[in-house]
PDB file of N, CA and C in Angstrom:
ATOM      1  N   MET A   1      65.846 107.915  55.230  1.00  0.00           N
ATOM      2  CA  MET A   1      65.316 109.170  54.749  1.00  0.00           C
ATOM      3  C   MET A   1      64.306 108.876  53.636  1.00  0.00           C
ATOM      4  N   PRO A   2      63.063 108.636  53.982  1.00  0.00           N
ATOM      5  CA  PRO A   2      62.096 108.334  52.933  1.00  0.00           C
ATOM      6  C   PRO A   2      61.735 109.556  52.092  1.00  0.00           C
ATOM      7  N   LYS A   3      61.940 109.406  50.806  1.00  0.00           N
ATOM      8  CA  LYS A   3      61.530 110.427  49.843  1.00  0.00           C
ATOM      9  C   LYS A   3      60.071 110.145  49.530  1.00  0.00           C
ATOM     10  N   ILE A   4      59.220 111.173  49.621  1.00  0.00           N
ATOM     11  CA  ILE A   4      57.794 110.921  49.429  1.00  0.00           C
ATOM     12  C   ILE A   4      57.234 111.503  48.123  1.00  0.00           C
ATOM     13  N   TYR A   5      57.837 112.586  47.624  1.00  0.00           N
ATOM     14  CA  TYR A   5      57.382 113.179  46.359  1.00  0.00           C
ATOM     15  C   TYR A   5      58.562 113.752  45.587  1.00  0.00           C
ATOM     16  N   GLU A   6      58.442 113.676  44.266  1.00  0.00           N
ATOM     17  CA  GLU A   6      59.275 114.433  43.340  1.00  0.00           C
ATOM     18  C   GLU A   6      58.315 115.291  42.539  1.00  0.00           C
ATOM     19  N   TYR A   7      58.657 116.586  42.418  1.00  0.00           N
ATOM     20  CA  TYR A   7      57.736 117.514  41.766  1.00  0.00           C
ATOM     21  C   TYR A   7      58.545 118.631  41.112  1.00  0.00           C
ATOM     22  N   PHE A   8      58.739 118.562  39.813  1.00  0.00           N
ATOM     23  CA  PHE A   8      59.398 119.607  39.039  1.00  0.00           C
ATOM     24  C   PHE A   8      60.690 120.111  39.691  1.00  0.00           C
ATOM     25  N   GLY A   9      61.567 119.199  40.057  1.00  0.00           N
ATOM     26  CA  GLY A   9      62.858 119.551  40.643  1.00  0.00           C
ATOM     27  C   GLY A   9      62.864 119.618  42.161  1.00  0.00           C
ATOM     28  N   PHE A  10      61.706 119.576  42.781  1.00  0.00           N
ATOM     29  CA  PHE A  10      61.603 119.552  44.241  1.00  0.00           C
ATOM     30  C   PHE A  10      61.626 118.103  44.720  1.00  0.00           C
ATOM     31  N   ILE A  11      62.279 117.873  45.841  1.00  0.00           N
ATOM     32  CA  ILE A  11      62.232 116.587  46.517  1.00  0.00           C
ATOM     33  C   ILE A  11      61.609 116.837  47.886  1.00  0.00           C
ATOM     34  N   PHE A  12      60.545 116.117  48.199  1.00  0.00           N
ATOM     35  CA  PHE A  12      59.866 116.195  49.488  1.00  0.00           C
ATOM     36  C   PHE A  12      60.211 114.921  50.247  1.00  0.00           C
ATOM     37  N   PHE A  13      60.660 115.056  51.489  1.00  0.00           N
ATOM     38  CA  PHE A  13      61.089 113.876  52.226  1.00  0.00           C
ATOM     39  C   PHE A  13      60.980 114.074  53.730  1.00  0.00           C
ATOM     40  N   PHE A  14      61.068 112.958  54.444  1.00  0.00           N
ATOM     41  CA  PHE A  14      61.154 112.929  55.906  1.00  0.00           C
ATOM     42  C   PHE A  14      62.547 112.438  56.272  1.00  0.00           C
ATOM     43  N   PHE A  15      63.031 112.823  57.437  1.00  0.00           N
ATOM     44  CA  PHE A  15      64.184 112.152  58.017  1.00  0.00           C
ATOM     45  C   PHE A  15      63.648 110.934  58.757  1.00  0.00           C
ATOM     46  N   SER A  16      64.473 109.945  58.955  1.00  0.00           N
ATOM     47  CA  SER A  16      64.023 108.697  59.580  1.00  0.00           C
ATOM     48  C   SER A  16      63.699 108.826  61.055  1.00  0.00           C
ATOM     49  N   ASN A  17      64.208 109.848  61.712  1.00  0.00           N
ATOM     50  CA  ASN A  17      64.003 109.997  63.161  1.00  0.00           C
ATOM     51  C   ASN A  17      63.263 111.301  63.457  1.00  0.00           C
ATOM     52  N   GLU A  18      62.137 111.509  62.837  1.00  0.00           N
ATOM     53  CA  GLU A  18      61.413 112.777  62.948  1.00  0.00           C
ATOM     54  C   GLU A  18      60.661 112.914  64.264  1.00  0.00           C
ATOM     55  N   HIS A  19      60.104 114.077  64.445  1.00  0.00           N
ATOM     56  CA  HIS A  19      59.371 114.471  65.646  1.00  0.00           C
ATOM     57  C   HIS A  19      58.190 115.321  65.205  1.00  0.00           C
ATOM     58  N   GLU A  20      57.268 115.521  66.107  1.00  0.00           N
ATOM     59  CA  GLU A  20      56.133 116.393  65.798  1.00  0.00           C
ATOM     60  C   GLU A  20      56.556 117.842  65.977  1.00  0.00           C
ATOM     61  N   PRO A  21      55.883 118.786  65.357  1.00  0.00           N
ATOM     62  CA  PRO A  21      54.687 118.613  64.538  1.00  0.00           C
ATOM     63  C   PRO A  21      55.031 117.936  63.211  1.00  0.00           C
ATOM     64  N   ILE A  22      53.987 117.423  62.565  1.00  0.00           N
ATOM     65  CA  ILE A  22      54.184 116.820  61.253  1.00  0.00           C
ATOM     66  C   ILE A  22      54.816 117.868  60.355  1.00  0.00           C
ATOM     67  N   HIS A  23      55.880 117.469  59.689  1.00  0.00           N
ATOM     68  CA  HIS A  23      56.555 118.395  58.797  1.00  0.00           C
ATOM     69  C   HIS A  23      57.228 117.623  57.673  1.00  0.00           C
ATOM     70  N   VAL A  24      57.548 118.355  56.624  1.00  0.00           N
ATOM     71  CA  VAL A  24      58.197 117.761  55.466  1.00  0.00           C
ATOM     72  C   VAL A  24      59.373 118.654  55.077  1.00  0.00           C
ATOM     73  N   HIS A  25      60.477 118.016  54.715  1.00  0.00           N
ATOM     74  CA  HIS A  25      61.650 118.722  54.226  1.00  0.00           C
ATOM     75  C   HIS A  25      61.518 118.827  52.715  1.00  0.00           C
ATOM     76  N   VAL A  26      61.865 119.991  52.183  1.00  0.00           N
ATOM     77  CA  VAL A  26      61.792 120.190  50.741  1.00  0.00           C
ATOM     78  C   VAL A  26      63.135 120.752  50.284  1.00  0.00           C
ATOM     79  N   ILE A  27      63.712 120.086  49.295  1.00  0.00           N
ATOM     80  CA  ILE A  27      65.006 120.512  48.782  1.00  0.00           C
ATOM     81  C   ILE A  27      64.910 120.727  47.277  1.00  0.00           C
ATOM     82  N   LYS A  28      65.580 121.762  46.810  1.00  0.00           N
ATOM     83  CA  LYS A  28      65.689 122.039  45.376  1.00  0.00           C
ATOM     84  C   LYS A  28      66.963 122.839  45.159  1.00  0.00           C
ATOM     85  N   ASN A  29      67.744 122.426  44.212  1.00  0.00           N
ATOM     86  CA  ASN A  29      68.990 123.123  43.873  1.00  0.00           C
ATOM     87  C   ASN A  29      69.886 123.342  45.086  1.00  0.00           C
ATOM     88  N   GLY A  30      69.967 122.361  45.967  1.00  0.00           N
ATOM     89  CA  GLY A  30      70.853 122.440  47.119  1.00  0.00           C
ATOM     90  C   GLY A  30      70.344 123.301  48.265  1.00  0.00           C
ATOM     91  N   ARG A  31      69.166 123.873  48.118  1.00  0.00           N
ATOM     92  CA  ARG A  31      68.554 124.680  49.184  1.00  0.00           C
ATOM     93  C   ARG A  31      67.440 123.865  49.822  1.00  0.00           C
ATOM     94  N   GLN A  32      67.201 124.098  51.105  1.00  0.00           N
ATOM     95  CA  GLN A  32      66.210 123.289  51.810  1.00  0.00           C
ATOM     96  C   GLN A  32      65.430 124.131  52.815  1.00  0.00           C
ATOM     97  N   THR A  33      64.147 123.866  52.881  1.00  0.00           N
ATOM     98  CA  THR A  33      63.266 124.488  53.863  1.00  0.00           C
ATOM     99  C   THR A  33      62.406 123.388  54.465  1.00  0.00           C
ATOM    100  N   VAL A  34      62.099 123.536  55.749  1.00  0.00           N
ATOM    101  CA  VAL A  34      61.203 122.613  56.436  1.00  0.00           C
ATOM    102  C   VAL A  34      59.834 123.288  56.541  1.00  0.00           C
ATOM    103  N   PHE A  35      58.800 122.554  56.186  1.00  0.00           N
ATOM    104  CA  PHE A  35      57.434 123.066  56.246  1.00  0.00           C
ATOM    105  C   PHE A  35      56.682 122.276  57.305  1.00  0.00           C
ATOM    106  N   GLU A  36      56.268 122.963  58.357  1.00  0.00           N
ATOM    107  CA  GLU A  36      55.494 122.334  59.431  1.00  0.00           C
ATOM    108  C   GLU A  36      54.015 122.481  59.114  1.00  0.00           C
ATOM    109  N   LEU A  37      53.286 121.374  59.210  1.00  0.00           N
ATOM    110  CA  LEU A  37      51.851 121.372  58.940  1.00  0.00           C
ATOM    111  C   LEU A  37      51.114 121.458  60.266  1.00  0.00           C
ATOM    112  N   ILE A  38      50.425 122.559  60.481  1.00  0.00           N
ATOM    113  CA  ILE A  38      49.654 122.761  61.706  1.00  0.00           C
ATOM    114  C   ILE A  38      48.202 122.416  61.376  1.00  0.00           C
ATOM    115  N   LEU A  39      47.731 121.355  62.005  1.00  0.00           N
ATOM    116  CA  LEU A  39      46.386 120.849  61.734  1.00  0.00           C
ATOM    117  C   LEU A  39      45.434 121.189  62.872  1.00  0.00           C
ATOM    118  N   MET A  40      44.185 121.403  62.519  1.00  0.00           N
ATOM    119  CA  MET A  40      43.143 121.608  63.509  1.00  0.00           C
ATOM    120  C   MET A  40      41.948 120.771  63.076  1.00  0.00           C
ATOM    121  N   ASN A  41      41.572 119.808  63.908  1.00  0.00           N
ATOM    122  CA  ASN A  41      40.475 118.895  63.591  1.00  0.00           C
ATOM    123  C   ASN A  41      40.689 118.196  62.247  1.00  0.00           C
ATOM    124  N   GLY A  42      41.938 117.857  61.954  1.00  0.00           N
ATOM    125  CA  GLY A  42      42.275 117.141  60.727  1.00  0.00           C
ATOM    126  C   GLY A  42      42.437 117.988  59.492  1.00  0.00           C
ATOM    127  N   ASP A  43      42.137 119.269  59.595  1.00  0.00           N
ATOM    128  CA  ASP A  43      42.278 120.173  58.448  1.00  0.00           C
ATOM    129  C   ASP A  43      43.531 121.021  58.600  1.00  0.00           C
ATOM    130  N   LEU A  44      44.107 121.402  57.477  1.00  0.00           N
ATOM    131  CA  LEU A  44      45.297 122.244  57.495  1.00  0.00           C
ATOM    132  C   LEU A  44      44.918 123.644  57.936  1.00  0.00           C
ATOM    133  N   ASN A  45      45.494 124.078  59.037  1.00  0.00           N
ATOM    134  CA  ASN A  45      45.220 125.397  59.586  1.00  0.00           C
ATOM    135  C   ASN A  45      46.314 126.398  59.205  1.00  0.00           C
ATOM    136  N   GLU A  46      47.554 125.918  59.137  1.00  0.00           N
ATOM    137  CA  GLU A  46      48.687 126.813  58.898  1.00  0.00           C
ATOM    138  C   GLU A  46      49.883 125.992  58.426  1.00  0.00           C
ATOM    139  N   ILE A  47      50.727 126.629  57.628  1.00  0.00           N
ATOM    140  CA  ILE A  47      52.017 126.048  57.257  1.00  0.00           C
ATOM    141  C   ILE A  47      53.084 127.015  57.751  1.00  0.00           C
ATOM    142  N   ARG A  48      54.009 126.482  58.528  1.00  0.00           N
ATOM    143  CA  ARG A  48      55.122 127.294  59.042  1.00  0.00           C
ATOM    144  C   ARG A  48      56.404 126.853  58.359  1.00  0.00           C
ATOM    145  N   ARG A  49      57.167 127.820  57.927  1.00  0.00           N
ATOM    146  CA  ARG A  49      58.457 127.530  57.299  1.00  0.00           C
ATOM    147  C   ARG A  49      59.568 127.743  58.312  1.00  0.00           C
ATOM    148  N   ARG A  50      60.575 126.867  58.248  1.00  0.00           N
ATOM    149  CA  ARG A  50      61.755 127.065  59.089  1.00  0.00           C
ATOM    150  C   ARG A  50      62.979 126.537  58.362  1.00  0.00           C
ATOM    151  N   PRO A  51      64.140 127.049  58.730  1.00  0.00           N
ATOM    152  CA  PRO A  51      65.363 126.598  58.067  1.00  0.00           C
ATOM    153  C   PRO A  51      65.787 125.220  58.554  1.00  0.00           C
ATOM    154  N   GLU A  52      66.614 124.579  57.762  1.00  0.00           N
ATOM    155  CA  GLU A  52      67.269 123.336  58.147  1.00  0.00           C
ATOM    156  C   GLU A  52      68.743 123.662  58.328  1.00  0.00           C
ATOM    157  N   HIS A  53      69.285 123.287  59.467  1.00  0.00           N
ATOM    158  CA  HIS A  53      70.677 123.590  59.796  1.00  0.00           C
ATOM    159  C   HIS A  53      71.611 123.153  58.661  1.00  0.00           C
ATOM    160  N   GLY A  54      72.472 124.069  58.245  1.00  0.00           N
ATOM    161  CA  GLY A  54      73.471 123.753  57.225  1.00  0.00           C
ATOM    162  C   GLY A  54      73.023 123.998  55.795  1.00  0.00           C
ATOM    163  N   TYR A  55      71.799 124.482  55.602  1.00  0.00           N
ATOM    164  CA  TYR A  55      71.281 124.713  54.263  1.00  0.00           C
ATOM    165  C   TYR A  55      70.772 126.139  54.136  1.00  0.00           C
ATOM    166  N   GLU A  56      70.905 126.689  52.943  1.00  0.00           N
ATOM    167  CA  GLU A  56      70.231 127.944  52.631  1.00  0.00           C
ATOM    168  C   GLU A  56      68.759 127.639  52.393  1.00  0.00           C
ATOM    169  N   LEU A  57      67.893 128.578  52.770  1.00  0.00           N
ATOM    170  CA  LEU A  57      66.457 128.415  52.532  1.00  0.00           C
ATOM    171  C   LEU A  57      66.148 128.433  51.043  1.00  0.00           C
ATOM    172  N   LEU A  58      65.055 127.771  50.675  1.00  0.00           N
ATOM    173  CA  LEU A  58      64.552 127.911  49.316  1.00  0.00           C
ATOM    174  C   LEU A  58      64.304 129.385  49.035  1.00  0.00           C
ATOM    175  N   ASN A  59      64.513 129.819  47.795  1.00  0.00           N
ATOM    176  CA  ASN A  59      64.185 131.210  47.481  1.00  0.00           C
ATOM    177  C   ASN A  59      62.669 131.391  47.564  1.00  0.00           C
ATOM    178  N   ASP A  60      62.226 132.640  47.568  1.00  0.00           N
ATOM    179  CA  ASP A  60      60.800 132.930  47.772  1.00  0.00           C
ATOM    180  C   ASP A  60      59.902 132.254  46.736  1.00  0.00           C
ATOM    181  N   LYS A  61      60.320 132.263  45.476  1.00  0.00           N
ATOM    182  CA  LYS A  61      59.509 131.644  44.419  1.00  0.00           C
ATOM    183  C   LYS A  61      59.376 130.139  44.661  1.00  0.00           C
ATOM    184  N   ASP A  62      60.491 129.477  44.942  1.00  0.00           N
ATOM    185  CA  ASP A  62      60.455 128.036  45.163  1.00  0.00           C
ATOM    186  C   ASP A  62      59.712 127.684  46.451  1.00  0.00           C
ATOM    187  N   ALA A  63      59.908 128.476  47.496  1.00  0.00           N
ATOM    188  CA  ALA A  63      59.191 128.216  48.752  1.00  0.00           C
ATOM    189  C   ALA A  63      57.682 128.358  48.537  1.00  0.00           C
ATOM    190  N   GLY A  64      57.279 129.350  47.755  1.00  0.00           N
ATOM    191  CA  GLY A  64      55.855 129.527  47.450  1.00  0.00           C
ATOM    192  C   GLY A  64      55.297 128.360  46.654  1.00  0.00           C
ATOM    193  N   ALA A  65      56.065 127.868  45.687  1.00  0.00           N
ATOM    194  CA  ALA A  65      55.619 126.723  44.886  1.00  0.00           C
ATOM    195  C   ALA A  65      55.528 125.463  45.752  1.00  0.00           C
ATOM    196  N   ALA A  66      56.500 125.266  46.644  1.00  0.00           N
ATOM    197  CA  ALA A  66      56.468 124.105  47.541  1.00  0.00           C
ATOM    198  C   ALA A  66      55.272 124.189  48.476  1.00  0.00           C
ATOM    199  N   GLU A  67      55.003 125.378  48.990  1.00  0.00           N
ATOM    200  CA  GLU A  67      53.870 125.542  49.897  1.00  0.00           C
ATOM    201  C   GLU A  67      52.547 125.295  49.168  1.00  0.00           C
ATOM    202  N   ALA A  68      52.435 125.767  47.941  1.00  0.00           N
ATOM    203  CA  ALA A  68      51.220 125.523  47.156  1.00  0.00           C
ATOM    204  C   ALA A  68      51.011 124.020  46.955  1.00  0.00           C
ATOM    205  N   PHE A  69      52.092 123.294  46.688  1.00  0.00           N
ATOM    206  CA  PHE A  69      52.023 121.845  46.542  1.00  0.00           C
ATOM    207  C   PHE A  69      51.537 121.207  47.841  1.00  0.00           C
ATOM    208  N   ILE A  70      52.106 121.643  48.956  1.00  0.00           N
ATOM    209  CA  ILE A  70      51.737 121.082  50.258  1.00  0.00           C
ATOM    210  C   ILE A  70      50.263 121.330  50.556  1.00  0.00           C
ATOM    211  N   ARG A  71      49.760 122.500  50.211  1.00  0.00           N
ATOM    212  CA  ARG A  71      48.343 122.802  50.454  1.00  0.00           C
ATOM    213  C   ARG A  71      47.431 121.834  49.691  1.00  0.00           C
ATOM    214  N   VAL A  72      47.838 121.444  48.502  1.00  0.00           N
ATOM    215  CA  VAL A  72      47.036 120.507  47.706  1.00  0.00           C
ATOM    216  C   VAL A  72      47.191 119.076  48.227  1.00  0.00           C
ATOM    217  N   TYR A  73      48.398 118.697  48.616  1.00  0.00           N
ATOM    218  CA  TYR A  73      48.697 117.304  48.959  1.00  0.00           C
ATOM    219  C   TYR A  73      48.848 117.051  50.456  1.00  0.00           C
ATOM    220  N   TYR A  74      48.444 117.978  51.315  1.00  0.00           N
ATOM    221  CA  TYR A  74      48.712 117.816  52.746  1.00  0.00           C
ATOM    222  C   TYR A  74      48.102 116.541  53.328  1.00  0.00           C
ATOM    223  N   ARG A  75      46.922 116.164  52.886  1.00  0.00           N
ATOM    224  CA  ARG A  75      46.310 114.931  53.426  1.00  0.00           C
ATOM    225  C   ARG A  75      47.169 113.709  53.095  1.00  0.00           C
ATOM    226  N   ASN A  76      47.718 113.689  51.884  1.00  0.00           N
ATOM    227  CA  ASN A  76      48.593 112.588  51.492  1.00  0.00           C
ATOM    228  C   ASN A  76      49.895 112.609  52.288  1.00  0.00           C
ATOM    229  N   ILE A  77      50.418 113.800  52.553  1.00  0.00           N
ATOM    230  CA  ILE A  77      51.648 113.926  53.347  1.00  0.00           C
ATOM    231  C   ILE A  77      51.398 113.408  54.755  1.00  0.00           C
ATOM    232  N   VAL A  78      50.274 113.791  55.350  1.00  0.00           N
ATOM    233  CA  VAL A  78      49.932 113.317  56.696  1.00  0.00           C
ATOM    234  C   VAL A  78      49.765 111.798  56.686  1.00  0.00           C
ATOM    235  N   GLU A  79      49.120 111.265  55.669  1.00  0.00           N
ATOM    236  CA  GLU A  79      48.936 109.818  55.570  1.00  0.00           C
ATOM    237  C   GLU A  79      50.293 109.106  55.478  1.00  0.00           C
ATOM    238  N   LYS A  80      51.195 109.632  54.664  1.00  0.00           N
ATOM    239  CA  LYS A  80      52.525 109.027  54.540  1.00  0.00           C
ATOM    240  C   LYS A  80      53.282 109.128  55.869  1.00  0.00           C
ATOM    241  N   TRP A  81      53.146 110.257  56.574  1.00  0.00           N
ATOM    242  CA  TRP A  81      53.773 110.426  57.885  1.00  0.00           C
ATOM    243  C   TRP A  81      53.268 109.350  58.863  1.00  0.00           C
ATOM    244  N   MET A  82      51.948 109.219  58.924  1.00  0.00           N
ATOM    245  CA  MET A  82      51.354 108.242  59.842  1.00  0.00           C
ATOM    246  C   MET A  82      51.772 106.816  59.474  1.00  0.00           C
ATOM    247  N   ASN A  83      51.744 106.508  58.194  1.00  0.00           N
ATOM    248  CA  ASN A  83      52.158 105.171  57.775  1.00  0.00           C
ATOM    249  C   ASN A  83      53.608 104.894  58.164  1.00  0.00           C
ATOM    250  N   PHE A  84      54.490 105.843  57.941  1.00  0.00           N
ATOM    251  CA  PHE A  84      55.908 105.613  58.198  1.00  0.00           C
ATOM    252  C   PHE A  84      56.254 105.638  59.684  1.00  0.00           C
ATOM    253  N   PHE A  85      55.811 106.693  60.389  1.00  0.00           N
ATOM    254  CA  PHE A  85      56.261 106.885  61.771  1.00  0.00           C
ATOM    255  C   PHE A  85      55.391 106.172  62.805  1.00  0.00           C
ATOM    256  N   VAL A  86      54.112 106.024  62.543  1.00  0.00           N
ATOM    257  CA  VAL A  86      53.221 105.392  63.519  1.00  0.00           C
ATOM    258  C   VAL A  86      53.033 103.907  63.210  1.00  0.00           C
ATOM    259  N   LEU A  87      52.694 103.599  61.967  1.00  0.00           N
ATOM    260  CA  LEU A  87      52.410 102.217  61.594  1.00  0.00           C
ATOM    261  C   LEU A  87      53.651 101.446  61.146  1.00  0.00           C
ATOM    262  N   LYS A  88      54.784 102.163  61.008  1.00  0.00           N
ATOM    263  CA  LYS A  88      56.071 101.545  60.637  1.00  0.00           C
ATOM    264  C   LYS A  88      56.005 100.838  59.286  1.00  0.00           C
ATOM    265  N   LYS A  89      55.261 101.432  58.356  1.00  0.00           N
ATOM    266  CA  LYS A  89      55.168 100.896  57.002  1.00  0.00           C
ATOM    267  C   LYS A  89      56.132 101.654  56.092  1.00  0.00           C
ATOM    268  N   LYS A  90      56.516 101.008  55.019  1.00  0.00           N
ATOM    269  CA  LYS A  90      57.307 101.690  54.001  1.00  0.00           C
ATOM    270  C   LYS A  90      56.396 102.637  53.235  1.00  0.00           C
ATOM    271  N   VAL A  91      56.954 103.752  52.809  1.00  0.00           N
ATOM    272  CA  VAL A  91      56.188 104.684  51.976  1.00  0.00           C
ATOM    273  C   VAL A  91      56.891 104.799  50.635  1.00  0.00           C
ATOM    274  N   ARG A  92      56.110 105.009  49.619  1.00  0.00           N
ATOM    275  CA  ARG A  92      56.639 105.094  48.268  1.00  0.00           C
ATOM    276  C   ARG A  92      56.738 106.547  47.840  1.00  0.00           C
ATOM    277  N   CYS A  93      57.711 106.802  47.008  1.00  0.00           N
ATOM    278  CA  CYS A  93      57.850 108.118  46.403  1.00  0.00           C
ATOM    279  C   CYS A  93      56.885 108.205  45.223  1.00  0.00           C
ATOM    280  N   THR A  94      56.168 109.298  45.159  1.00  0.00           N
ATOM    281  CA  THR A  94      55.246 109.542  44.069  1.00  0.00           C
ATOM    282  C   THR A  94      55.794 110.679  43.229  1.00  0.00           C
ATOM    283  N   GLN A  95      55.880 110.460  41.946  1.00  0.00           N
ATOM    284  CA  GLN A  95      56.338 111.521  41.041  1.00  0.00           C
ATOM    285  C   GLN A  95      55.100 112.233  40.510  1.00  0.00           C
ATOM    286  N   ILE A  96      55.029 113.536  40.756  1.00  0.00           N
ATOM    287  CA  ILE A  96      53.898 114.344  40.335  1.00  0.00           C
ATOM    288  C   ILE A  96      54.321 115.122  39.080  1.00  0.00           C
ATOM    289  N   THR A  97      53.579 114.951  38.000  1.00  0.00           N
ATOM    290  CA  THR A  97      53.965 115.587  36.723  1.00  0.00           C
ATOM    291  C   THR A  97      52.962 116.650  36.262  1.00  0.00           C
ATOM    292  N   LYS A  98      51.989 116.932  37.108  1.00  0.00           N
ATOM    293  CA  LYS A  98      51.026 117.993  36.781  1.00  0.00           C
ATOM    294  C   LYS A  98      51.166 119.090  37.818  1.00  0.00           C
ATOM    295  N   ARG A  99      51.349 120.312  37.357  1.00  0.00           N
ATOM    296  CA  ARG A  99      51.545 121.437  38.277  1.00  0.00           C
ATOM    297  C   ARG A  99      50.266 121.724  39.059  1.00  0.00           C
ATOM    298  N   VAL A 100      50.456 122.087  40.330  1.00  0.00           N
ATOM    299  CA  VAL A 100      49.323 122.507  41.149  1.00  0.00           C
ATOM    300  C   VAL A 100      49.044 123.969  40.876  1.00  0.00           C
ATOM    301  N   LYS A 101      47.834 124.393  41.169  1.00  0.00           N
ATOM    302  CA  LYS A 101      47.450 125.794  40.919  1.00  0.00           C
ATOM    303  C   LYS A 101      47.382 126.554  42.207  1.00  0.00           C
TER     304      LYS A 101
END
């Protein structure tokens, strides 16, 4: 389960046996939401939220903050996905200490 980002109490991660579409799991305070990144010609077209079995969804405020983070860092998330799942490289967790707008 590679953890890819820590951001103000949020943990962004992949499961080791993921599938497409590219997506990231986000957990905070025991709640978890999956964010699917829908790309068109390499650009972020849409983010879809879905529940993770066995977890309560992030509350609206936290889900909005996680989505805002994903919109800023989506290229990095896609790069980490490709490195881990396609190129079979290790990915490092990055701690982000500046809030996104």
